Amino acid sequence: MATTKITVNNNGSLRVEGDFEIVDKNGNVYDLNGRELVSICRCGLSMNKPFCDGSHKGHFEHDAVAFALPPKKTL
C-alpha cells in the first residue's frame, strides 16, 4: 500500500504527497491532473481554495511543531 505524507509547513500550507485523492463536500473528486504533491490552504486567503496559492505570505503565522494529542475519548 502506498503512503500519504502530510507536512504542516511553518506559516503556510499543508503539503500532501504520495497516493491520495481530494474530494469536495459532495464526494466529487478534484482532478489533480496526475499530481502526487499538492499544497492545501490553511489561512483562508487563497483564491484557489482548497489549494494554496501563496497568499498567506506575511499574513499567517503558525510554528509547526509536532505534539501528542490527548487520549482518544471512549464511550
Protein backbone atom coordinates (compact mmCIF):
# COMPACT_ATOMS: atom_id res chain seq x y z
CA MET A 1 0.00 0.00 0.00
CA ALA A 2 1.36 3.42 -0.97
CA THR A 3 1.69 6.01 1.74
CA THR A 4 0.43 9.54 2.01
CA LYS A 5 2.52 12.13 3.84
CA ILE A 6 1.06 15.41 5.11
CA THR A 7 3.55 18.05 6.20
CA VAL A 8 2.38 21.06 8.23
CA ASN A 9 4.53 23.94 6.99
CA ASN A 10 5.55 26.85 9.20
CA ASN A 11 3.46 29.91 8.36
CA GLY A 12 1.82 28.18 5.43
CA SER A 13 0.10 25.30 3.77
CA LEU A 14 -0.40 21.60 4.34
CA ARG A 15 1.80 19.74 1.85
CA VAL A 16 0.16 16.48 0.76
CA GLU A 17 2.25 13.97 -1.16
CA GLY A 18 2.00 10.35 -2.18
CA ASP A 19 -1.06 8.35 -3.12
CA PHE A 20 -4.24 10.31 -2.31
CA GLU A 21 -7.41 11.83 -3.66
CA ILE A 22 -9.16 15.01 -2.57
CA VAL A 23 -12.95 15.24 -2.63
CA ASP A 24 -15.40 18.10 -2.08
CA LYS A 25 -18.27 18.07 0.44
CA ASN A 26 -20.41 16.10 -2.03
CA GLY A 27 -17.78 13.43 -2.62
CA ASN A 28 -16.77 14.75 -6.06
CA VAL A 29 -13.10 14.13 -6.78
CA TYR A 30 -10.85 17.08 -7.70
CA ASP A 31 -8.96 16.43 -10.95
CA LEU A 32 -5.32 16.76 -9.88
CA ASN A 33 -4.03 16.01 -13.39
CA GLY A 34 -1.61 13.34 -12.17
CA ARG A 35 -0.06 15.37 -9.37
CA GLU A 36 1.41 13.40 -6.48
CA LEU A 37 2.05 16.56 -4.46
CA VAL A 38 -0.28 19.48 -3.70
CA SER A 39 -0.42 22.20 -1.06
CA ILE A 40 -3.67 22.83 0.80
CA CYS A 41 -4.54 26.32 2.08
CA ARG A 42 -4.73 26.78 5.85
CA CYS A 43 -5.00 30.57 6.03
CA GLY A 44 -8.21 31.05 4.03
CA LEU A 45 -6.67 33.74 1.80
CA SER A 46 -6.05 31.62 -1.33
CA MET A 47 -8.05 32.49 -4.44
CA ASN A 48 -7.63 28.82 -5.47
CA LYS A 49 -9.08 27.12 -2.35
CA PRO A 50 -8.72 24.43 -1.23
CA PHE A 51 -5.28 24.71 -2.82
CA CYS A 52 -2.59 27.13 -1.68
CA ASP A 53 -1.59 29.97 -3.99
CA GLY A 54 0.93 31.64 -1.66
CA SER A 55 -1.44 34.41 -0.48
CA HIS A 56 -0.56 33.59 3.15
CA LYS A 57 2.92 35.09 2.89
CA GLY A 58 3.18 37.75 5.58
CA HIS A 59 -0.43 37.23 6.71
CA PHE A 60 -0.42 33.90 8.53
CA GLU A 61 1.73 32.72 11.41
CA HIS A 62 1.95 29.24 12.83
CA ASP A 63 5.01 27.49 14.20
CA ALA A 64 4.54 23.91 13.03
CA VAL A 65 5.87 21.76 15.86
CA ALA A 66 4.52 18.24 16.44
CA PHE A 67 2.85 17.35 19.73
CA ALA A 68 0.80 14.49 21.17
CA LEU A 69 -2.99 14.73 21.17
CA PRO A 70 -4.81 13.96 24.41
CA PRO A 71 -6.09 10.39 24.78
CA LYS A 72 -8.94 9.44 22.45
CA LYS A 73 -12.36 9.69 24.10
CA THR A 74 -14.17 6.43 24.65
CA LEU A 75 -17.90 5.92 25.01
